[in-house]
C-alpha atoms as a PDB file:
ATOM      1  CA  MET A   1       3.365 -16.877 -20.393  1.00  0.00           C
ATOM      2  CA  SER A   2       4.491 -20.579 -21.577  1.00  0.00           C
ATOM      3  CA  ARG A   3       2.364 -20.519 -24.463  1.00  0.00           C
ATOM      4  CA  LEU A   4       3.344 -17.382 -25.581  1.00  0.00           C
ATOM      5  CA  ARG A   5       7.228 -18.378 -25.110  1.00  0.00           C
ATOM      6  CA  ALA A   6       6.145 -21.596 -27.115  1.00  0.00           C
ATOM      7  CA  PHE A   7       5.057 -19.401 -30.156  1.00  0.00           C
ATOM      8  CA  LEU A   8       7.826 -17.239 -30.029  1.00  0.00           C
ATOM      9  CA  ASP A   9      10.672 -20.470 -29.237  1.00  0.00           C
ATOM     10  CA  ALA A  10       9.221 -21.392 -32.792  1.00  0.00           C
ATOM     11  CA  SER A  11      10.628 -18.287 -34.771  1.00  0.00           C
ATOM     12  CA  PRO A  12      14.249 -18.658 -35.275  1.00  0.00           C
ATOM     13  CA  VAL A  13      14.381 -14.553 -35.475  1.00  0.00           C
ATOM     14  CA  ALA A  14      12.175 -14.597 -31.934  1.00  0.00           C
ATOM     15  CA  ALA A  15      14.610 -17.432 -30.636  1.00  0.00           C
ATOM     16  CA  VAL A  16      17.864 -15.668 -31.085  1.00  0.00           C
ATOM     17  CA  ALA A  17      16.110 -12.727 -29.609  1.00  0.00           C
ATOM     18  CA  LEU A  18      14.922 -14.643 -26.561  1.00  0.00           C
ATOM     19  CA  SER A  19      18.348 -15.909 -26.356  1.00  0.00           C
ATOM     20  CA  LEU A  20      20.001 -12.670 -25.926  1.00  0.00           C
ATOM     21  CA  MET A  21      17.289 -11.587 -23.655  1.00  0.00           C
ATOM     22  CA  ARG A  22      17.878 -14.384 -21.231  1.00  0.00           C
ATOM     23  CA  GLU A  23      21.621 -14.024 -21.009  1.00  0.00           C
ATOM     24  CA  ALA A  24      21.073 -10.050 -20.381  1.00  0.00           C
ATOM     25  CA  THR A  25      18.438 -10.807 -17.910  1.00  0.00           C
ATOM     26  CA  GLY A  26      19.417 -14.124 -16.109  1.00  0.00           C
ATOM     27  CA  ARG A  27      15.946 -14.750 -16.596  1.00  0.00           C
ATOM     28  CA  ALA A  28      14.411 -18.105 -18.090  1.00  0.00           C
ATOM     29  CA  GLU A  29      10.920 -15.808 -18.843  1.00  0.00           C
ATOM     30  CA  PRO A  30      12.400 -12.483 -19.814  1.00  0.00           C
ATOM     31  CA  LEU A  31       9.097 -11.258 -20.924  1.00  0.00           C
ATOM     32  CA  ALA A  32       7.523 -11.563 -17.778  1.00  0.00           C
ATOM     33  CA  PRO A  33       8.342  -7.888 -16.258  1.00  0.00           C
ATOM     34  CA  ILE A  34       6.916  -6.224 -19.267  1.00  0.00           C
ATOM     35  CA  MET A  35       3.986  -8.280 -19.471  1.00  0.00           C
ATOM     36  CA  PRO A  36       0.563  -6.716 -18.269  1.00  0.00           C
ATOM     37  CA  ALA A  37      -0.879  -7.682 -14.743  1.00  0.00           C
ATOM     38  CA  ARG A  38      -4.205  -8.303 -14.109  1.00  0.00           C
ATOM     39  CA  PRO A  39      -5.407  -6.259 -11.211  1.00  0.00           C
ATOM     40  CA  ALA A  40      -6.663  -7.777  -7.968  1.00  0.00           C
ATOM     41  CA  ALA A  41      -9.263  -6.236  -5.139  1.00  0.00           C
ATOM     42  CA  LEU A  42      -9.854  -6.262  -1.653  1.00  0.00           C
ATOM     43  CA  ARG A  43     -13.088  -7.635  -0.237  1.00  0.00           C
ATOM     44  CA  ARG A  44     -15.831  -5.222  -0.070  1.00  0.00           C
ATOM     45  CA  GLY A  45     -15.945  -3.886   3.415  1.00  0.00           C
ATOM     46  CA  GLU A  46     -12.214  -4.838   4.257  1.00  0.00           C
ATOM     47  CA  ARG A  47     -10.324  -2.484   6.572  1.00  0.00           C
ATOM     48  CA  VAL A  48      -6.617  -2.277   6.087  1.00  0.00           C
ATOM     49  CA  GLY A  49      -3.946   0.208   7.783  1.00  0.00           C
ATOM     50  CA  PHE A  50      -0.233   1.172   6.452  1.00  0.00           C
ATOM     51  CA  TRP A  51       2.035   2.347   9.369  1.00  0.00           C
ATOM     52  CA  SER A  52       5.689   2.622   9.662  1.00  0.00           C
ATOM     53  CA  LEU A  53       7.679   3.702  12.950  1.00  0.00           C
ATOM     54  CA  CYS A  54       9.760   5.757  11.230  1.00  0.00           C
ATOM     55  CA  GLY A  55       8.575   7.979   7.897  1.00  0.00           C
ATOM     56  CA  GLY A  56      10.518   7.786   4.246  1.00  0.00           C
ATOM     57  CA  VAL A  57       9.948   4.053   3.853  1.00  0.00           C
ATOM     58  CA  GLY A  58       6.793   4.463   1.445  1.00  0.00           C
ATOM     59  CA  SER A  59       4.282   3.158   3.491  1.00  0.00           C
ATOM     60  CA  SER A  60       1.900   6.370   1.794  1.00  0.00           C
ATOM     61  CA  THR A  61       3.168   5.346  -1.522  1.00  0.00           C
ATOM     62  CA  VAL A  62       1.979   1.843  -0.895  1.00  0.00           C
ATOM     63  CA  ALA A  63      -1.209   2.606   0.868  1.00  0.00           C
ATOM     64  CA  ALA A  64      -2.302   5.091  -2.341  1.00  0.00           C
ATOM     65  CA  LEU A  65      -0.666   2.047  -5.063  1.00  0.00           C
ATOM     66  CA  VAL A  66      -3.223  -0.822  -3.296  1.00  0.00           C
ATOM     67  CA  ALA A  67      -6.153   1.543  -3.317  1.00  0.00           C
ATOM     68  CA  HIS A  68      -6.285   2.681  -7.232  1.00  0.00           C
ATOM     69  CA  ARG A  69      -5.055  -1.238  -7.878  1.00  0.00           C
ATOM     70  CA  SER A  70      -7.725  -2.317  -6.018  1.00  0.00           C
ATOM     71  CA  ALA A  71     -10.012   0.059  -8.069  1.00  0.00           C
ATOM     72  CA  ALA A  72      -8.932  -1.555 -11.166  1.00  0.00           C
ATOM     73  CA  GLY A  73      -9.835  -4.489  -9.958  1.00  0.00           C
ATOM     74  CA  GLY A  74     -13.012  -4.046  -9.532  1.00  0.00           C
ATOM     75  CA  GLU A  75     -13.209  -2.729  -5.609  1.00  0.00           C
ATOM     76  CA  ALA A  76     -12.736   1.000  -5.508  1.00  0.00           C
ATOM     77  CA  PRO A  77     -12.101   1.407  -1.719  1.00  0.00           C
ATOM     78  CA  LEU A  78     -11.829   4.487   0.504  1.00  0.00           C
ATOM     79  CA  LEU A  79      -8.694   6.161   0.772  1.00  0.00           C
ATOM     80  CA  ALA A  80      -7.680   8.175   3.716  1.00  0.00           C
ATOM     81  CA  ASP A  81      -4.918   9.920   4.989  1.00  0.00           C
ATOM     82  CA  LEU A  82      -5.168   9.730   9.022  1.00  0.00           C
ATOM     83  CA  ASP A  83      -1.275  10.990   9.037  1.00  0.00           C
ATOM     84  CA  ARG A  84      -1.413  13.288  11.843  1.00  0.00           C
ATOM     85  CA  TRP A  85       1.925  15.387  11.654  1.00  0.00           C
ATOM     86  CA  ALA A  86       2.513  15.361   7.755  1.00  0.00           C
ATOM     87  CA  PRO A  87       0.108  13.832   5.743  1.00  0.00           C
ATOM     88  CA  SER A  88       1.008  14.367   2.031  1.00  0.00           C
ATOM     89  CA  LEU A  89      -1.424  12.331  -0.030  1.00  0.00           C
ATOM     90  CA  ALA A  90      -3.246  15.009  -1.299  1.00  0.00           C
ATOM     91  CA  LEU A  91       0.207  16.378  -2.367  1.00  0.00           C
ATOM     92  CA  ARG A  92       0.472  13.281  -4.522  1.00  0.00           C
ATOM     93  CA  ALA A  93      -2.993  13.658  -5.775  1.00  0.00           C
ATOM     94  CA  GLY A  94      -2.803  17.220  -6.547  1.00  0.00           C
ATOM     95  CA  LEU A  95      -5.988  17.997  -4.725  1.00  0.00           C
ATOM     96  CA  SER A  96      -7.230  20.689  -2.344  1.00  0.00           C
ATOM     97  CA  ALA A  97     -10.299  19.580  -0.776  1.00  0.00           C
ATOM     98  CA  ALA A  98     -12.068  18.966   2.605  1.00  0.00           C
ATOM     99  CA  THR A  99      -9.786  17.126   4.867  1.00  0.00           C
ATOM    100  CA  ILE A 100     -10.450  14.332   7.683  1.00  0.00           C
ATOM    101  CA  ALA A 101     -10.603  16.865  10.351  1.00  0.00           C
ATOM    102  CA  ASP A 102     -13.562  18.598   8.219  1.00  0.00           C
ATOM    103  CA  ALA A 103     -15.411  15.636   8.187  1.00  0.00           C
ATOM    104  CA  LEU A 104     -14.771  15.148  12.008  1.00  0.00           C
ATOM    105  CA  LEU A 105     -16.387  18.564  12.328  1.00  0.00           C
ATOM    106  CA  GLN A 106     -19.428  18.103  10.301  1.00  0.00           C
ATOM    107  CA  PRO A 107     -21.350  15.131  11.622  1.00  0.00           C
ATOM    108  CA  GLY A 108     -23.988  13.820   9.041  1.00  0.00           C
ATOM    109  CA  ARG A 109     -22.165  15.342   6.110  1.00  0.00           C
ATOM    110  CA  GLU A 110     -18.822  13.059   5.967  1.00  0.00           C
ATOM    111  CA  ARG A 111     -20.031  11.486   2.707  1.00  0.00           C
ATOM    112  CA  GLU A 112     -20.367  14.616   0.685  1.00  0.00           C
ATOM    113  CA  LEU A 113     -16.960  15.795   2.124  1.00  0.00           C
ATOM    114  CA  VAL A 114     -15.230  12.769   0.417  1.00  0.00           C
ATOM    115  CA  SER A 115     -13.162  13.622  -2.647  1.00  0.00           C
ATOM    116  CA  ARG A 116     -11.782  11.569  -6.108  1.00  0.00           C
ATOM    117  CA  TRP A 117      -8.589  10.711  -6.833  1.00  0.00           C
ATOM    118  CA  SER A 118      -8.966   9.265  -9.785  1.00  0.00           C
ATOM    119  CA  ALA A 119     -11.540   6.467  -9.428  1.00  0.00           C
ATOM    120  CA  VAL A 120     -10.718   6.141  -5.994  1.00  0.00           C
ATOM    121  CA  ALA A 121     -12.848   7.741  -3.080  1.00  0.00           C
ATOM    122  CA  PHE A 122     -10.499   9.950  -1.057  1.00  0.00           C
ATOM    123  CA  LEU A 123     -10.073  11.814   2.243  1.00  0.00           C
ATOM    124  CA  PRO A 124      -7.184  13.948   2.601  1.00  0.00           C
ATOM    125  CA  GLY A 125      -5.348  14.360   5.532  1.00  0.00           C
ATOM    126  CA  ALA A 126      -4.762  17.326   8.309  1.00  0.00           C
ATOM    127  CA  PRO A 127      -2.185  18.371  10.574  1.00  0.00           C
ATOM    128  CA  SER A 128      -4.512  19.638  12.648  1.00  0.00           C
ATOM    129  CA  LEU A 129      -5.736  15.955  13.466  1.00  0.00           C
ATOM    130  CA  ASN A 130      -3.379  15.541  16.361  1.00  0.00           C
ATOM    131  CA  HIS A 131      -5.221  18.079  17.978  1.00  0.00           C
ATOM    132  CA  GLY A 132      -7.923  16.356  20.616  1.00  0.00           C
ATOM    133  CA  PHE A 133      -7.563  13.116  18.426  1.00  0.00           C
ATOM    134  CA  ASP A 134     -11.079  10.930  19.105  1.00  0.00           C
ATOM    135  CA  ALA A 135     -10.438   7.408  17.524  1.00  0.00           C
ATOM    136  CA  LEU A 136     -13.800   6.183  18.009  1.00  0.00           C
ATOM    137  CA  ARG A 137     -15.167   9.236  16.393  1.00  0.00           C
ATOM    138  CA  LEU A 138     -12.783   8.649  13.807  1.00  0.00           C
ATOM    139  CA  VAL A 139     -13.503   5.445  13.202  1.00  0.00           C
ATOM    140  CA  ALA A 140     -16.849   6.346  12.783  1.00  0.00           C
ATOM    141  CA  VAL A 141     -16.006   8.691  10.375  1.00  0.00           C
ATOM    142  CA  ILE A 142     -14.400   6.245   8.238  1.00  0.00           C
ATOM    143  CA  ASP A 143     -17.127   3.680   8.409  1.00  0.00           C
ATOM    144  CA  ALA A 144     -19.659   6.382   7.179  1.00  0.00           C
ATOM    145  CA  CYS A 145     -17.463   7.989   4.129  1.00  0.00           C
ATOM    146  CA  ALA A 146     -16.886   4.192   3.119  1.00  0.00           C
ATOM    147  CA  ALA A 147     -19.972   3.668   2.853  1.00  0.00           C
ATOM    148  CA  GLY A 148     -19.833  -0.218   2.960  1.00  0.00           C
ATOM    149  CA  ARG A 149     -16.499  -0.039   0.577  1.00  0.00           C
ATOM    150  CA  ALA A 150     -12.975  -1.115   1.599  1.00  0.00           C
ATOM    151  CA  ALA A 151     -10.906   1.521   3.259  1.00  0.00           C
ATOM    152  CA  VAL A 152      -7.223   1.979   2.829  1.00  0.00           C
ATOM    153  CA  LEU A 153      -5.859   3.904   5.699  1.00  0.00           C
ATOM    154  CA  ASP A 154      -2.767   5.621   5.760  1.00  0.00           C
ATOM    155  CA  LEU A 155      -1.889   6.110   9.395  1.00  0.00           C
ATOM    156  CA  GLY A 156       1.459   7.450   9.043  1.00  0.00           C
ATOM    157  CA  ALA A 157       4.381   7.106  10.992  1.00  0.00           C
ATOM    158  CA  GLY A 158       5.288   6.998  14.993  1.00  0.00           C
ATOM    159  CA  ALA A 159       4.243   5.195  17.873  1.00  0.00           C
ATOM    160  CA  ASP A 160       1.501   7.267  18.552  1.00  0.00           C
ATOM    161  CA  ALA A 161      -0.322   6.322  15.453  1.00  0.00           C
ATOM    162  CA  LEU A 162      -0.965   2.970  16.768  1.00  0.00           C
ATOM    163  CA  ASP A 163      -4.476   3.636  18.703  1.00  0.00           C
ATOM    164  CA  PRO A 164      -5.902   0.731  20.012  1.00  0.00           C
ATOM    165  CA  ALA A 165      -9.374   1.641  19.174  1.00  0.00           C
ATOM    166  CA  LEU A 166      -8.212   2.469  15.580  1.00  0.00           C
ATOM    167  CA  LEU A 167      -6.088  -0.831  15.148  1.00  0.00           C
ATOM    168  CA  ALA A 168      -9.464  -2.631  16.307  1.00  0.00           C
ATOM    169  CA  SER A 169     -11.309  -1.465  13.180  1.00  0.00           C
ATOM    170  CA  LEU A 170      -8.693  -2.722  10.836  1.00  0.00           C
ATOM    171  CA  GLY A 171      -8.779  -6.235   9.494  1.00  0.00           C
ATOM    172  CA  ARG A 172      -5.184  -6.197   8.797  1.00  0.00           C
ATOM    173  CA  LEU A 173      -2.409  -4.229   9.581  1.00  0.00           C
ATOM    174  CA  CYS A 174       0.778  -3.682   7.199  1.00  0.00           C
ATOM    175  CA  LEU A 175       3.996  -2.711   8.564  1.00  0.00           C
ATOM    176  CA  VAL A 176       6.136  -1.066   5.799  1.00  0.00           C
ATOM    177  CA  THR A 177       9.628  -1.000   5.870  1.00  0.00           C
ATOM    178  CA  GLY A 178      12.634  -0.058   3.594  1.00  0.00           C
ATOM    179  CA  THR A 179      15.702  -1.761   3.282  1.00  0.00           C
ATOM    180  CA  ARG A 180      18.208   0.817   4.826  1.00  0.00           C
ATOM    181  CA  ALA A 181      19.848   0.479   7.676  1.00  0.00           C
ATOM    182  CA  GLY A 182      18.079   2.798   9.752  1.00  0.00           C
ATOM    183  CA  GLN A 183      14.631   1.317   8.181  1.00  0.00           C
ATOM    184  CA  LEU A 184      15.302  -1.736   8.868  1.00  0.00           C
ATOM    185  CA  GLN A 185      16.351  -0.901  12.240  1.00  0.00           C
ATOM    186  CA  ALA A 186      13.046   0.854  13.083  1.00  0.00           C
ATOM    187  CA  ALA A 187      11.001  -2.306  11.829  1.00  0.00           C
ATOM    188  CA  PHE A 188      12.663  -4.149  14.143  1.00  0.00           C
ATOM    189  CA  CYS A 189      11.751  -1.588  17.276  1.00  0.00           C
ATOM    190  CA  ALA A 190       8.249  -1.731  16.011  1.00  0.00           C
ATOM    191  CA  VAL A 191       7.985  -5.237  16.723  1.00  0.00           C
ATOM    192  CA  PRO A 192       7.096  -4.917  20.477  1.00  0.00           C
ATOM    193  CA  LEU A 193       4.650  -2.215  19.903  1.00  0.00           C
ATOM    194  CA  LEU A 194       2.627  -4.519  17.546  1.00  0.00           C
ATOM    195  CA  ARG A 195       2.595  -7.692  20.003  1.00  0.00           C
ATOM    196  CA  THR A 196      -0.268  -6.810  21.422  1.00  0.00           C
ATOM    197  CA  ALA A 197      -2.097  -5.485  18.356  1.00  0.00           C
ATOM    198  CA  PRO A 198      -5.841  -6.095  17.951  1.00  0.00           C
ATOM    199  CA  CYS A 199      -5.836  -7.015  14.614  1.00  0.00           C
ATOM    200  CA  ALA A 200      -3.587  -9.191  12.088  1.00  0.00           C
ATOM    201  CA  VAL A 201       0.025  -7.783  11.254  1.00  0.00           C
ATOM    202  CA  GLY A 202       1.921  -8.330   7.971  1.00  0.00           C
ATOM    203  CA  LEU A 203       5.138  -6.827   6.351  1.00  0.00           C
ATOM    204  CA  VAL A 204       5.630  -5.310   3.202  1.00  0.00           C
ATOM    205  CA  VAL A 205       8.877  -4.400   2.456  1.00  0.00           C
ATOM    206  CA  VAL A 206       9.948  -1.413  -0.307  1.00  0.00           C
ATOM    207  CA  GLY A 207      12.915  -1.986  -2.436  1.00  0.00           C
ATOM    208  CA  ALA A 208      13.558  -5.482  -2.030  1.00  0.00           C
ATOM    209  CA  GLU A 209      13.220  -8.564  -4.166  1.00  0.00           C
ATOM    210  CA  GLY A 210      11.243 -11.778  -2.694  1.00  0.00           C
ATOM    211  CA  ASP A 211      14.262 -13.664  -1.565  1.00  0.00           C
ATOM    212  CA  ASP A 212      15.817 -10.812   0.277  1.00  0.00           C
ATOM    213  CA  ALA A 213      12.242  -9.685   1.870  1.00  0.00           C
ATOM    214  CA  ALA A 214      11.425 -13.220   3.011  1.00  0.00           C
ATOM    215  CA  ARG A 215      14.917 -12.988   4.774  1.00  0.00           C
ATOM    216  CA  ILE A 216      13.805  -9.473   6.429  1.00  0.00           C
ATOM    217  CA  ALA A 217      10.669 -11.191   7.581  1.00  0.00           C
ATOM    218  CA  ASP A 218      12.030 -14.016   9.045  1.00  0.00           C
ATOM    219  CA  ARG A 219      14.379 -11.754  11.315  1.00  0.00           C
ATOM    220  CA  ILE A 220      11.940  -9.456  12.013  1.00  0.00           C
ATOM    221  CA  GLY A 221       9.507 -12.125  12.991  1.00  0.00           C
ATOM    222  CA  VAL A 222       6.511 -10.607  11.066  1.00  0.00           C
ATOM    223  CA  PRO A 223       4.685 -12.487   8.284  1.00  0.00           C
ATOM    224  CA  LEU A 224       5.626 -11.313   4.964  1.00  0.00           C
ATOM    225  CA  LEU A 225       2.500 -10.122   2.773  1.00  0.00           C
ATOM    226  CA  ALA A 226       4.707  -8.575  -0.023  1.00  0.00           C
ATOM    227  CA  ALA A 227       7.997  -7.188  -1.693  1.00  0.00           C
ATOM    228  CA  ILE A 228       7.672  -4.090  -3.871  1.00  0.00           C
ATOM    229  CA  PRO A 229      10.587  -4.066  -5.852  1.00  0.00           C
ATOM    230  CA  THR A 230      12.669  -1.033  -6.821  1.00  0.00           C
ATOM    231  CA  ASP A 231      10.640   1.615  -9.196  1.00  0.00           C
ATOM    232  CA  PRO A 232      12.070   4.715 -10.559  1.00  0.00           C
ATOM    233  CA  TYR A 233       8.856   5.756 -11.220  1.00  0.00           C
ATOM    234  CA  LEU A 234       8.123   6.030  -7.418  1.00  0.00           C
ATOM    235  CA  ALA A 235      11.996   7.332  -6.322  1.00  0.00           C
ATOM    236  CA  ASP A 236      11.240  10.591  -8.059  1.00  0.00           C
ATOM    237  CA  ASP A 237       7.733  10.938  -6.966  1.00  0.00           C
ATOM    238  CA  SER A 238       5.685  10.474  -9.985  1.00  0.00           C
ATOM    239  CA  PHE A 239       2.547   8.484  -9.224  1.00  0.00           C
ATOM    240  CA  ALA A 240       3.237   5.816 -11.921  1.00  0.00           C
ATOM    241  CA  ALA A 241       4.750   2.164 -11.884  1.00  0.00           C
ATOM    242  CA  ARG A 242       6.203  -0.564 -13.862  1.00  0.00           C
ATOM    243  CA  ALA A 243       4.554  -3.761 -14.483  1.00  0.00           C
ATOM    244  CA  PRO A 244       6.857  -5.648 -11.567  1.00  0.00           C
ATOM    245  CA  THR A 245       5.430  -3.257  -8.841  1.00  0.00           C
ATOM    246  CA  LEU A 246       2.175  -3.901  -9.995  1.00  0.00           C
ATOM    247  CA  ARG A 247       2.289  -7.314 -10.079  1.00  0.00           C
ATOM    248  CA  ALA A 248       3.729  -7.056  -6.019  1.00  0.00           C
ATOM    249  CA  VAL A 249       1.096  -5.241  -5.409  1.00  0.00           C
ATOM    250  CA  ASP A 250      -1.489  -7.459  -6.405  1.00  0.00           C
ATOM    251  CA  THR A 251       0.326  -9.887  -4.375  1.00  0.00           C
ATOM    252  CA  LEU A 252      -0.200  -7.902  -1.610  1.00  0.00           C
ATOM    253  CA  LEU A 253      -3.832  -7.393  -2.335  1.00  0.00           C
ATOM    254  CA  ARG A 254      -4.372 -11.356  -2.634  1.00  0.00           C
ATOM    255  CA  ALA A 255      -2.762 -11.670   1.030  1.00  0.00           C
ATOM    256  CA  LEU A 256      -4.938  -9.091   2.131  1.00  0.00           C
ATOM    257  CA  ALA A 257      -8.437 -10.681   0.907  1.00  0.00           C
END
């Protein structure tokens, strides 16, 4: 970026344009938000879960972004929707396919039931997952479907999603929160539930800049992994993202590595 800026600064017209952009954006590097970002990736075999105590904070969206960005970075993981009550990733993907419930009922055929969402291996969720929930069997299915790859698990929302056996299979659990009062209150209330978690826990703040997210993490008492900025593409359910969002996801991926 510094070499590009030096090159542009050498041109009188570019110097005027950059000066106007700096004044308009308040940024010393006004081109940074539009520069393409180099994708990061998960480690092969890594297991990471995304969870929130209340719904609507963006945990499913962040999980999907992490999976797709990791695929772009060279490690295409398994993305599994384990929300027991309101699985939504298949709707975002526009897919109608075999679900995690189907895989549980067909031992030995789990890998045949995995779908694809672009470059990502995908196992959609099912509302029936909450009936007779068997975490150990679920972990075995995830291992079989991942076949040595990394796995990104959308655990959904609510305290009942924090099954000890499921958490023990994770390398990291990401507590996801938004910035609205109710969402932050839910994040504070989630902390006692996570004190005995058998895996490392980190915080992802959606809709915040880095400084604000750091203050939130400090108050909650959970290490900050990444701040995902407000993105109009994500707000209207378009599965697309701006460059600053992708850079934030890359930051999250590197924190998970």
